[in-house]
PDB file of all heavy atoms in Angstrom:
ATOM      1  N   ASP A   1     -16.943  71.763 -25.295  1.00  0.00           N
ATOM      2  CA  ASP A   1     -18.245  71.458 -25.629  1.00  0.00           C
ATOM      3  C   ASP A   1     -18.324  70.111 -26.308  1.00  0.00           C
ATOM      4  O   ASP A   1     -17.573  69.817 -27.295  1.00  0.00           O
ATOM      5  CB  ASP A   1     -18.932  72.431 -26.624  1.00  0.00           C
ATOM      6  CG  ASP A   1     -19.178  73.901 -25.955  1.00  0.00           C
ATOM      7  OD1 ASP A   1     -19.302  73.890 -24.695  1.00  0.00           O
ATOM      8  OD2 ASP A   1     -19.173  74.883 -26.649  1.00  0.00           O
ATOM      9  N   MET A   2     -19.070  69.181 -25.756  1.00  0.00           N
ATOM     10  CA  MET A   2     -19.108  67.803 -26.284  1.00  0.00           C
ATOM     11  C   MET A   2     -20.654  67.538 -26.603  1.00  0.00           C
ATOM     12  O   MET A   2     -21.529  67.710 -25.695  1.00  0.00           O
ATOM     13  CB  MET A   2     -18.527  66.869 -25.223  1.00  0.00           C
ATOM     14  CG  MET A   2     -17.085  67.051 -24.992  1.00  0.00           C
ATOM     15  SD  MET A   2     -16.534  65.876 -23.822  1.00  0.00           S
ATOM     16  CE  MET A   2     -17.385  66.261 -22.351  1.00  0.00           C
ATOM     17  N   LYS A   3     -20.991  66.948 -27.756  1.00  0.00           N
ATOM     18  CA  LYS A   3     -22.233  66.603 -28.066  1.00  0.00           C
ATOM     19  C   LYS A   3     -22.500  65.215 -27.403  1.00  0.00           C
ATOM     20  O   LYS A   3     -21.884  64.219 -27.734  1.00  0.00           O
ATOM     21  CB  LYS A   3     -22.584  66.544 -29.631  1.00  0.00           C
ATOM     22  CG  LYS A   3     -23.845  66.107 -29.942  1.00  0.00           C
ATOM     23  CD  LYS A   3     -24.047  66.295 -31.435  1.00  0.00           C
ATOM     24  CE  LYS A   3     -25.417  65.807 -31.870  1.00  0.00           C
ATOM     25  NZ  LYS A   3     -26.523  66.581 -31.189  1.00  0.00           N
ATOM     26  N   VAL A   4     -23.590  65.190 -26.562  1.00  0.00           N
ATOM     27  CA  VAL A   4     -24.060  63.951 -25.943  1.00  0.00           C
ATOM     28  C   VAL A   4     -25.512  63.735 -26.122  1.00  0.00           C
ATOM     29  O   VAL A   4     -26.220  64.729 -25.758  1.00  0.00           O
ATOM     30  CB  VAL A   4     -23.711  64.009 -24.423  1.00  0.00           C
ATOM     31  CG1 VAL A   4     -24.223  62.673 -23.838  1.00  0.00           C
ATOM     32  CG2 VAL A   4     -22.137  64.184 -24.231  1.00  0.00           C
ATOM     33  N   ASP A   5     -25.870  62.649 -26.616  1.00  0.00           N
ATOM     34  CA  ASP A   5     -27.299  62.386 -26.836  1.00  0.00           C
ATOM     35  C   ASP A   5     -27.815  61.564 -25.698  1.00  0.00           C
ATOM     36  O   ASP A   5     -27.183  60.588 -25.161  1.00  0.00           O
ATOM     37  CB  ASP A   5     -27.551  61.430 -28.138  1.00  0.00           C
ATOM     38  CG  ASP A   5     -27.192  62.120 -29.410  1.00  0.00           C
ATOM     39  OD1 ASP A   5     -27.371  63.410 -29.388  1.00  0.00           O
ATOM     40  OD2 ASP A   5     -26.665  61.575 -30.257  1.00  0.00           O
ATOM     41  N   GLY A   6     -29.005  62.011 -25.166  1.00  0.00           N
ATOM     42  CA  GLY A   6     -29.492  61.512 -23.974  1.00  0.00           C
ATOM     43  C   GLY A   6     -28.717  61.936 -22.726  1.00  0.00           C
ATOM     44  O   GLY A   6     -28.131  62.912 -22.589  1.00  0.00           O
ATOM     45  N   LEU A   7     -28.749  61.062 -21.627  1.00  0.00           N
ATOM     46  CA  LEU A   7     -28.113  61.500 -20.331  1.00  0.00           C
ATOM     47  C   LEU A   7     -26.508  61.335 -20.393  1.00  0.00           C
ATOM     48  O   LEU A   7     -25.735  62.228 -19.910  1.00  0.00           O
ATOM     49  CB  LEU A   7     -28.508  60.607 -19.180  1.00  0.00           C
ATOM     50  CG  LEU A   7     -29.944  60.778 -18.807  1.00  0.00           C
ATOM     51  CD1 LEU A   7     -30.272  59.852 -17.466  1.00  0.00           C
ATOM     52  CD2 LEU A   7     -30.042  62.248 -18.273  1.00  0.00           C
ATOM     53  N   ALA A   8     -26.111  60.243 -21.160  1.00  0.00           N
ATOM     54  CA  ALA A   8     -24.580  60.045 -21.340  1.00  0.00           C
ATOM     55  C   ALA A   8     -24.291  59.096 -22.396  1.00  0.00           C
ATOM     56  O   ALA A   8     -25.132  58.430 -22.980  1.00  0.00           O
ATOM     57  CB  ALA A   8     -24.096  59.479 -20.019  1.00  0.00           C
ATOM     58  N   THR A   9     -22.935  59.129 -22.856  1.00  0.00           N
ATOM     59  CA  THR A   9     -22.552  58.064 -23.743  1.00  0.00           C
ATOM     60  C   THR A   9     -21.366  57.368 -23.048  1.00  0.00           C
ATOM     61  O   THR A   9     -20.653  57.967 -22.209  1.00  0.00           O
ATOM     62  CB  THR A   9     -22.078  58.730 -25.093  1.00  0.00           C
ATOM     63  OG1 THR A   9     -20.973  59.680 -24.764  1.00  0.00           O
ATOM     64  CG2 THR A   9     -23.150  59.423 -25.666  1.00  0.00           C
ATOM     65  N   VAL A  10     -21.060  56.170 -23.521  1.00  0.00           N
ATOM     66  CA  VAL A  10     -19.824  55.443 -23.074  1.00  0.00           C
ATOM     67  C   VAL A  10     -19.112  54.890 -24.306  1.00  0.00           C
ATOM     68  O   VAL A  10     -19.700  54.425 -25.254  1.00  0.00           O
ATOM     69  CB  VAL A  10     -20.350  54.343 -22.158  1.00  0.00           C
ATOM     70  CG1 VAL A  10     -21.218  53.323 -22.747  1.00  0.00           C
ATOM     71  CG2 VAL A  10     -19.017  53.537 -21.553  1.00  0.00           C
ATOM     72  N   GLU A  11     -17.796  54.978 -24.182  1.00  0.00           N
ATOM     73  CA  GLU A  11     -16.958  54.518 -25.247  1.00  0.00           C
ATOM     74  C   GLU A  11     -15.839  53.587 -24.782  1.00  0.00           C
ATOM     75  O   GLU A  11     -15.264  53.899 -23.714  1.00  0.00           O
ATOM     76  CB  GLU A  11     -16.420  55.590 -26.059  1.00  0.00           C
ATOM     77  CG  GLU A  11     -15.472  55.236 -27.164  1.00  0.00           C
ATOM     78  CD  GLU A  11     -14.792  56.397 -27.910  1.00  0.00           C
ATOM     79  OE1 GLU A  11     -14.958  57.457 -27.402  1.00  0.00           O
ATOM     80  OE2 GLU A  11     -14.232  56.142 -29.012  1.00  0.00           O
ATOM     81  N   ALA A  12     -15.634  52.381 -25.394  1.00  0.00           N
ATOM     82  CA  ALA A  12     -14.445  51.408 -24.872  1.00  0.00           C
ATOM     83  C   ALA A  12     -13.128  52.093 -25.449  1.00  0.00           C
ATOM     84  O   ALA A  12     -13.054  52.507 -26.523  1.00  0.00           O
ATOM     85  CB  ALA A  12     -14.696  50.046 -25.399  1.00  0.00           C
ATOM     86  N   LEU A  13     -12.167  52.039 -24.569  1.00  0.00           N
ATOM     87  CA  LEU A  13     -10.899  52.518 -24.809  1.00  0.00           C
ATOM     88  C   LEU A  13      -9.869  51.313 -24.996  1.00  0.00           C
ATOM     89  O   LEU A  13      -9.754  50.558 -23.992  1.00  0.00           O
ATOM     90  CB  LEU A  13     -10.302  53.525 -23.730  1.00  0.00           C
ATOM     91  CG  LEU A  13     -11.158  54.722 -23.376  1.00  0.00           C
ATOM     92  CD1 LEU A  13     -10.587  55.440 -22.231  1.00  0.00           C
ATOM     93  CD2 LEU A  13     -11.313  55.582 -24.598  1.00  0.00           C
ATOM     94  N   LYS A  14      -9.567  51.192 -26.237  1.00  0.00           N
ATOM     95  CA  LYS A  14      -8.688  50.003 -26.485  1.00  0.00           C
ATOM     96  C   LYS A  14      -7.233  50.162 -26.104  1.00  0.00           C
ATOM     97  O   LYS A  14      -6.547  49.259 -25.706  1.00  0.00           O
ATOM     98  CB  LYS A  14      -8.808  49.636 -28.049  1.00  0.00           C
ATOM     99  CG  LYS A  14     -10.263  49.429 -28.372  1.00  0.00           C
ATOM    100  CD  LYS A  14     -10.806  48.244 -27.653  1.00  0.00           C
ATOM    101  CE  LYS A  14     -12.381  48.020 -28.125  1.00  0.00           C
ATOM    102  NZ  LYS A  14     -12.583  47.594 -29.483  1.00  0.00           N
ATOM    103  N   GLU A  15      -6.732  51.406 -26.274  1.00  0.00           N
ATOM    104  CA  GLU A  15      -5.340  51.664 -25.801  1.00  0.00           C
ATOM    105  C   GLU A  15      -5.297  52.883 -24.878  1.00  0.00           C
ATOM    106  O   GLU A  15      -5.840  53.898 -25.171  1.00  0.00           O
ATOM    107  CB  GLU A  15      -4.475  52.008 -27.126  1.00  0.00           C
ATOM    108  CG  GLU A  15      -4.233  50.939 -28.191  1.00  0.00           C
ATOM    109  CD  GLU A  15      -3.596  49.767 -27.509  1.00  0.00           C
ATOM    110  OE1 GLU A  15      -2.676  50.035 -26.703  1.00  0.00           O
ATOM    111  OE2 GLU A  15      -3.788  48.586 -27.955  1.00  0.00           O
ATOM    112  N   PHE A  16      -4.763  52.590 -23.742  1.00  0.00           N
ATOM    113  CA  PHE A  16      -4.704  53.606 -22.699  1.00  0.00           C
ATOM    114  C   PHE A  16      -3.493  53.407 -21.828  1.00  0.00           C
ATOM    115  O   PHE A  16      -3.036  52.268 -21.779  1.00  0.00           O
ATOM    116  CB  PHE A  16      -5.939  53.719 -21.846  1.00  0.00           C
ATOM    117  CG  PHE A  16      -6.521  52.415 -21.462  1.00  0.00           C
ATOM    118  CD1 PHE A  16      -6.228  51.863 -20.229  1.00  0.00           C
ATOM    119  CD2 PHE A  16      -7.334  51.615 -22.248  1.00  0.00           C
ATOM    120  CE1 PHE A  16      -6.674  50.783 -19.759  1.00  0.00           C
ATOM    121  CE2 PHE A  16      -7.829  50.326 -21.865  1.00  0.00           C
ATOM    122  CZ  PHE A  16      -7.429  49.983 -20.551  1.00  0.00           C
ATOM    123  N   ASP A  17      -3.074  54.435 -21.113  1.00  0.00           N
ATOM    124  CA  ASP A  17      -1.929  54.278 -20.297  1.00  0.00           C
ATOM    125  C   ASP A  17      -1.967  53.248 -19.221  1.00  0.00           C
ATOM    126  O   ASP A  17      -1.013  52.583 -18.844  1.00  0.00           O
ATOM    127  CB  ASP A  17      -1.451  55.594 -19.729  1.00  0.00           C
ATOM    128  CG  ASP A  17      -1.078  56.625 -20.844  1.00  0.00           C
ATOM    129  OD1 ASP A  17      -0.658  56.224 -21.861  1.00  0.00           O
ATOM    130  OD2 ASP A  17      -1.084  57.865 -20.623  1.00  0.00           O
ATOM    131  N   THR A  18      -3.139  53.291 -18.667  1.00  0.00           N
ATOM    132  CA  THR A  18      -3.300  52.279 -17.392  1.00  0.00           C
ATOM    133  C   THR A  18      -3.091  50.770 -17.908  1.00  0.00           C
ATOM    134  O   THR A  18      -2.532  49.939 -17.150  1.00  0.00           O
ATOM    135  CB  THR A  18      -4.706  52.333 -16.942  1.00  0.00           C
ATOM    136  OG1 THR A  18      -5.088  53.794 -16.831  1.00  0.00           O
ATOM    137  CG2 THR A  18      -4.826  51.720 -15.467  1.00  0.00           C
ATOM    138  N   LYS A  19      -3.476  50.493 -19.169  1.00  0.00           N
ATOM    139  CA  LYS A  19      -3.414  49.151 -19.702  1.00  0.00           C
ATOM    140  C   LYS A  19      -1.961  48.880 -20.060  1.00  0.00           C
ATOM    141  O   LYS A  19      -1.410  47.821 -19.677  1.00  0.00           O
ATOM    142  CB  LYS A  19      -4.288  49.159 -21.063  1.00  0.00           C
ATOM    143  CG  LYS A  19      -4.019  47.843 -21.699  1.00  0.00           C
ATOM    144  CD  LYS A  19      -4.898  47.812 -22.957  1.00  0.00           C
ATOM    145  CE  LYS A  19      -4.577  46.450 -23.797  1.00  0.00           C
ATOM    146  NZ  LYS A  19      -5.343  46.471 -25.104  1.00  0.00           N
ATOM    147  N   LYS A  20      -1.220  49.840 -20.436  1.00  0.00           N
ATOM    148  CA  LYS A  20       0.083  49.683 -20.882  1.00  0.00           C
ATOM    149  C   LYS A  20       0.935  49.395 -19.494  1.00  0.00           C
ATOM    150  O   LYS A  20       1.778  48.502 -19.478  1.00  0.00           O
ATOM    151  CB  LYS A  20       0.792  50.944 -21.490  1.00  0.00           C
ATOM    152  CG  LYS A  20       0.169  51.178 -22.911  1.00  0.00           C
ATOM    153  CD  LYS A  20       0.577  52.385 -23.483  1.00  0.00           C
ATOM    154  CE  LYS A  20      -0.055  52.809 -24.794  1.00  0.00           C
ATOM    155  NZ  LYS A  20       0.382  54.049 -25.326  1.00  0.00           N
ATOM    156  N   ALA A  21       0.643  50.050 -18.500  1.00  0.00           N
ATOM    157  CA  ALA A  21       1.318  49.871 -17.220  1.00  0.00           C
ATOM    158  C   ALA A  21       0.885  48.465 -16.641  1.00  0.00           C
ATOM    159  O   ALA A  21       1.838  47.820 -16.126  1.00  0.00           O
ATOM    160  CB  ALA A  21       0.788  50.900 -16.215  1.00  0.00           C
ATOM    161  N   ALA A  22      -0.323  48.138 -16.803  1.00  0.00           N
ATOM    162  CA  ALA A  22      -0.755  46.737 -16.351  1.00  0.00           C
ATOM    163  C   ALA A  22       0.054  45.700 -17.052  1.00  0.00           C
ATOM    164  O   ALA A  22       0.430  44.606 -16.443  1.00  0.00           O
ATOM    165  CB  ALA A  22      -2.189  46.578 -16.372  1.00  0.00           C
ATOM    166  N   GLU A  23       0.224  45.826 -18.341  1.00  0.00           N
ATOM    167  CA  GLU A  23       0.886  44.826 -19.111  1.00  0.00           C
ATOM    168  C   GLU A  23       2.434  44.768 -18.805  1.00  0.00           C
ATOM    169  O   GLU A  23       2.972  43.616 -18.693  1.00  0.00           O
ATOM    170  CB  GLU A  23       0.798  45.136 -20.563  1.00  0.00           C
ATOM    171  CG  GLU A  23      -0.693  44.848 -21.170  1.00  0.00           C
ATOM    172  CD  GLU A  23      -0.871  45.320 -22.521  1.00  0.00           C
ATOM    173  OE1 GLU A  23       0.031  46.113 -23.120  1.00  0.00           O
ATOM    174  OE2 GLU A  23      -1.771  45.003 -23.174  1.00  0.00           O
ATOM    175  N   ARG A  24       3.027  45.848 -18.457  1.00  0.00           N
ATOM    176  CA  ARG A  24       4.382  45.881 -17.941  1.00  0.00           C
ATOM    177  C   ARG A  24       4.589  45.203 -16.765  1.00  0.00           C
ATOM    178  O   ARG A  24       5.479  44.541 -16.453  1.00  0.00           O
ATOM    179  CB  ARG A  24       4.870  47.314 -18.007  1.00  0.00           C
ATOM    180  CG  ARG A  24       5.192  47.898 -19.407  1.00  0.00           C
ATOM    181  CD  ARG A  24       6.071  49.269 -19.236  1.00  0.00           C
ATOM    182  NE  ARG A  24       5.345  50.186 -18.374  1.00  0.00           N
ATOM    183  CZ  ARG A  24       4.662  51.232 -18.902  1.00  0.00           C
ATOM    184  NH1 ARG A  24       4.455  51.305 -20.222  1.00  0.00           N
ATOM    185  NH2 ARG A  24       4.127  52.152 -18.186  1.00  0.00           N
ATOM    186  N   LEU A  25       3.581  45.424 -15.805  1.00  0.00           N
ATOM    187  CA  LEU A  25       3.647  44.811 -14.532  1.00  0.00           C
ATOM    188  C   LEU A  25       3.110  43.348 -14.493  1.00  0.00           C
ATOM    189  O   LEU A  25       3.182  42.668 -13.357  1.00  0.00           O
ATOM    190  CB  LEU A  25       2.743  45.662 -13.598  1.00  0.00           C
ATOM    191  CG  LEU A  25       3.281  47.128 -13.254  1.00  0.00           C
ATOM    192  CD1 LEU A  25       2.295  47.899 -12.528  1.00  0.00           C
ATOM    193  CD2 LEU A  25       4.618  47.100 -12.529  1.00  0.00           C
ATOM    194  N   ALA A  26       2.664  42.899 -15.535  1.00  0.00           N
ATOM    195  CA  ALA A  26       2.217  41.484 -15.725  1.00  0.00           C
ATOM    196  C   ALA A  26       0.909  41.229 -14.850  1.00  0.00           C
ATOM    197  O   ALA A  26       0.807  40.204 -14.220  1.00  0.00           O
ATOM    198  CB  ALA A  26       3.328  40.422 -15.369  1.00  0.00           C
ATOM    199  N   LEU A  27       0.119  42.283 -14.788  1.00  0.00           N
ATOM    200  CA  LEU A  27      -1.146  42.174 -13.948  1.00  0.00           C
ATOM    201  C   LEU A  27      -2.264  41.420 -14.952  1.00  0.00           C
ATOM    202  O   LEU A  27      -1.995  41.198 -16.030  1.00  0.00           O
ATOM    203  CB  LEU A  27      -1.582  43.590 -13.618  1.00  0.00           C
ATOM    204  CG  LEU A  27      -0.687  44.281 -12.694  1.00  0.00           C
ATOM    205  CD1 LEU A  27      -1.247  45.652 -12.362  1.00  0.00           C
ATOM    206  CD2 LEU A  27      -0.322  43.543 -11.371  1.00  0.00           C
ATOM    207  N   GLY A  28      -3.409  41.334 -14.444  1.00  0.00           N
ATOM    208  CA  GLY A  28      -4.493  40.550 -15.063  1.00  0.00           C
ATOM    209  C   GLY A  28      -5.177  41.558 -16.114  1.00  0.00           C
ATOM    210  O   GLY A  28      -4.662  42.657 -16.316  1.00  0.00           O
ATOM    211  N   PRO A  29      -6.246  41.116 -16.624  1.00  0.00           N
ATOM    212  CA  PRO A  29      -7.026  42.090 -17.644  1.00  0.00           C
ATOM    213  C   PRO A  29      -7.541  43.370 -17.047  1.00  0.00           C
ATOM    214  O   PRO A  29      -7.790  43.354 -15.851  1.00  0.00           O
ATOM    215  CB  PRO A  29      -8.108  41.110 -18.100  1.00  0.00           C
ATOM    216  CG  PRO A  29      -8.285  40.143 -17.003  1.00  0.00           C
ATOM    217  CD  PRO A  29      -7.067  39.901 -16.436  1.00  0.00           C
ATOM    218  N   ILE A  30      -7.533  44.315 -17.886  1.00  0.00           N
ATOM    219  CA  ILE A  30      -8.006  45.682 -17.456  1.00  0.00           C
ATOM    220  C   ILE A  30      -8.843  46.288 -18.657  1.00  0.00           C
ATOM    221  O   ILE A  30      -8.422  46.188 -19.834  1.00  0.00           O
ATOM    222  CB  ILE A  30      -6.755  46.503 -17.055  1.00  0.00           C
ATOM    223  CG1 ILE A  30      -7.304  47.900 -16.481  1.00  0.00           C
ATOM    224  CG2 ILE A  30      -5.850  46.747 -18.236  1.00  0.00           C
ATOM    225  CD1 ILE A  30      -6.165  48.624 -15.803  1.00  0.00           C
ATOM    226  N   PHE A  31      -9.855  46.880 -18.175  1.00  0.00           N
ATOM    227  CA  PHE A  31     -10.838  47.480 -19.125  1.00  0.00           C
ATOM    228  C   PHE A  31     -11.000  48.966 -18.658  1.00  0.00           C
ATOM    229  O   PHE A  31     -11.042  49.243 -17.610  1.00  0.00           O
ATOM    230  CB  PHE A  31     -12.299  46.819 -19.172  1.00  0.00           C
ATOM    231  CG  PHE A  31     -12.266  45.345 -19.421  1.00  0.00           C
ATOM    232  CD1 PHE A  31     -12.106  44.448 -18.417  1.00  0.00           C
ATOM    233  CD2 PHE A  31     -12.214  44.878 -20.840  1.00  0.00           C
ATOM    234  CE1 PHE A  31     -12.119  43.049 -18.758  1.00  0.00           C
ATOM    235  CE2 PHE A  31     -12.269  43.539 -21.080  1.00  0.00           C
ATOM    236  CZ  PHE A  31     -12.174  42.588 -20.038  1.00  0.00           C
ATOM    237  N   GLU A  32     -11.109  49.859 -19.826  1.00  0.00           N
ATOM    238  CA  GLU A  32     -11.297  51.226 -19.429  1.00  0.00           C
ATOM    239  C   GLU A  32     -12.330  51.924 -20.328  1.00  0.00           C
ATOM    240  O   GLU A  32     -12.237  51.532 -21.656  1.00  0.00           O
ATOM    241  CB  GLU A  32     -10.041  51.968 -19.405  1.00  0.00           C
ATOM    242  CG  GLU A  32     -10.050  53.359 -18.759  1.00  0.00           C
ATOM    243  CD  GLU A  32      -8.729  53.909 -18.290  1.00  0.00           C
ATOM    244  OE1 GLU A  32      -8.107  53.295 -17.454  1.00  0.00           O
ATOM    245  OE2 GLU A  32      -8.316  54.931 -18.913  1.00  0.00           O
ATOM    246  N   PHE A  33     -13.084  52.788 -20.011  1.00  0.00           N
ATOM    247  CA  PHE A  33     -14.121  53.440 -20.778  1.00  0.00           C
ATOM    248  C   PHE A  33     -14.190  54.981 -20.489  1.00  0.00           C
ATOM    249  O   PHE A  33     -13.854  55.413 -19.351  1.00  0.00           O
ATOM    250  CB  PHE A  33     -15.548  52.790 -20.440  1.00  0.00           C
ATOM    251  CG  PHE A  33     -15.603  51.370 -20.556  1.00  0.00           C
ATOM    252  CD1 PHE A  33     -15.259  50.482 -19.494  1.00  0.00           C
ATOM    253  CD2 PHE A  33     -16.132  50.817 -21.735  1.00  0.00           C
ATOM    254  CE1 PHE A  33     -15.312  49.241 -19.656  1.00  0.00           C
ATOM    255  CE2 PHE A  33     -16.245  49.427 -21.839  1.00  0.00           C
ATOM    256  CZ  PHE A  33     -15.874  48.605 -20.838  1.00  0.00           C
ATOM    257  N   ASP A  34     -14.587  55.697 -21.553  1.00  0.00           N
ATOM    258  CA  ASP A  34     -14.728  57.122 -21.489  1.00  0.00           C
ATOM    259  C   ASP A  34     -16.257  57.377 -21.402  1.00  0.00           C
ATOM    260  O   ASP A  34     -17.012  56.979 -22.366  1.00  0.00           O
ATOM    261  CB  ASP A  34     -14.091  57.839 -22.712  1.00  0.00           C
ATOM    262  CG  ASP A  34     -14.262  59.339 -22.498  1.00  0.00           C
ATOM    263  OD1 ASP A  34     -14.443  59.887 -21.430  1.00  0.00           O
ATOM    264  OD2 ASP A  34     -14.267  60.067 -23.540  1.00  0.00           O
ATOM    265  N   VAL A  35     -16.726  57.978 -20.288  1.00  0.00           N
ATOM    266  CA  VAL A  35     -18.119  58.292 -20.203  1.00  0.00           C
ATOM    267  C   VAL A  35     -18.394  59.862 -20.258  1.00  0.00           C
ATOM    268  O   VAL A  35     -17.557  60.645 -19.492  1.00  0.00           O
ATOM    269  CB  VAL A  35     -18.704  57.756 -18.818  1.00  0.00           C
ATOM    270  CG1 VAL A  35     -20.300  58.061 -18.800  1.00  0.00           C
ATOM    271  CG2 VAL A  35     -18.514  56.279 -18.685  1.00  0.00           C
ATOM    272  N   LYS A  36     -19.199  60.237 -21.078  1.00  0.00           N
ATOM    273  CA  LYS A  36     -19.508  61.672 -21.139  1.00  0.00           C
ATOM    274  C   LYS A  36     -20.928  61.956 -20.902  1.00  0.00           C
ATOM    275  O   LYS A  36     -21.778  61.240 -21.370  1.00  0.00           O
ATOM    276  CB  LYS A  36     -19.103  62.225 -22.662  1.00  0.00           C
ATOM    277  CG  LYS A  36     -17.795  62.162 -22.999  1.00  0.00           C
ATOM    278  CD  LYS A  36     -17.456  62.674 -24.472  1.00  0.00           C
ATOM    279  CE  LYS A  36     -16.070  62.875 -24.729  1.00  0.00           C
ATOM    280  NZ  LYS A  36     -15.232  61.552 -24.786  1.00  0.00           N
ATOM    281  N   PHE A  37     -21.124  63.075 -20.123  1.00  0.00           N
ATOM    282  CA  PHE A  37     -22.438  63.352 -19.579  1.00  0.00           C
ATOM    283  C   PHE A  37     -23.002  64.617 -20.271  1.00  0.00           C
ATOM    284  O   PHE A  37     -22.281  65.559 -20.398  1.00  0.00           O
ATOM    285  CB  PHE A  37     -22.430  63.551 -18.059  1.00  0.00           C
ATOM    286  CG  PHE A  37     -21.875  62.344 -17.284  1.00  0.00           C
ATOM    287  CD1 PHE A  37     -20.538  62.171 -16.962  1.00  0.00           C
ATOM    288  CD2 PHE A  37     -22.814  61.433 -16.878  1.00  0.00           C
ATOM    289  CE1 PHE A  37     -20.072  61.197 -16.298  1.00  0.00           C
ATOM    290  CE2 PHE A  37     -22.316  60.267 -16.290  1.00  0.00           C
ATOM    291  CZ  PHE A  37     -20.989  60.137 -15.984  1.00  0.00           C
ATOM    292  N   GLN A  38     -24.330  64.567 -20.447  1.00  0.00           N
ATOM    293  CA  GLN A  38     -24.990  65.879 -20.939  1.00  0.00           C
ATOM    294  C   GLN A  38     -25.059  66.815 -19.740  1.00  0.00           C
ATOM    295  O   GLN A  38     -24.701  68.058 -20.010  1.00  0.00           O
ATOM    296  CB  GLN A  38     -26.362  65.490 -21.441  1.00  0.00           C
ATOM    297  CG  GLN A  38     -27.198  66.666 -21.863  1.00  0.00           C
ATOM    298  CD  GLN A  38     -26.784  67.284 -23.180  1.00  0.00           C
ATOM    299  OE1 GLN A  38     -26.180  66.504 -24.049  1.00  0.00           O
ATOM    300  NE2 GLN A  38     -26.960  68.571 -23.407  1.00  0.00           N
ATOM    301  N   ASP A  39     -25.488  66.450 -18.666  1.00  0.00           N
ATOM    302  CA  ASP A  39     -25.628  67.221 -17.501  1.00  0.00           C
ATOM    303  C   ASP A  39     -25.096  66.422 -16.329  1.00  0.00           C
ATOM    304  O   ASP A  39     -25.879  65.854 -15.618  1.00  0.00           O
ATOM    305  CB  ASP A  39     -26.943  67.825 -17.304  1.00  0.00           C
ATOM    306  CG  ASP A  39     -27.098  68.943 -16.240  1.00  0.00           C
ATOM    307  OD1 ASP A  39     -26.114  69.020 -15.506  1.00  0.00           O
ATOM    308  OD2 ASP A  39     -28.057  69.694 -16.172  1.00  0.00           O
TER     309      ASP A  39
END
């Protein structure tokens, strides 16, 4: 159960596995977000 106000919420993820892999592979910038939905 997750409390979500409105239709959805979005949160920026500063540390995540995809970013660590991108840095190891010397790729460009990468952004990732967690989106949670009420319904």
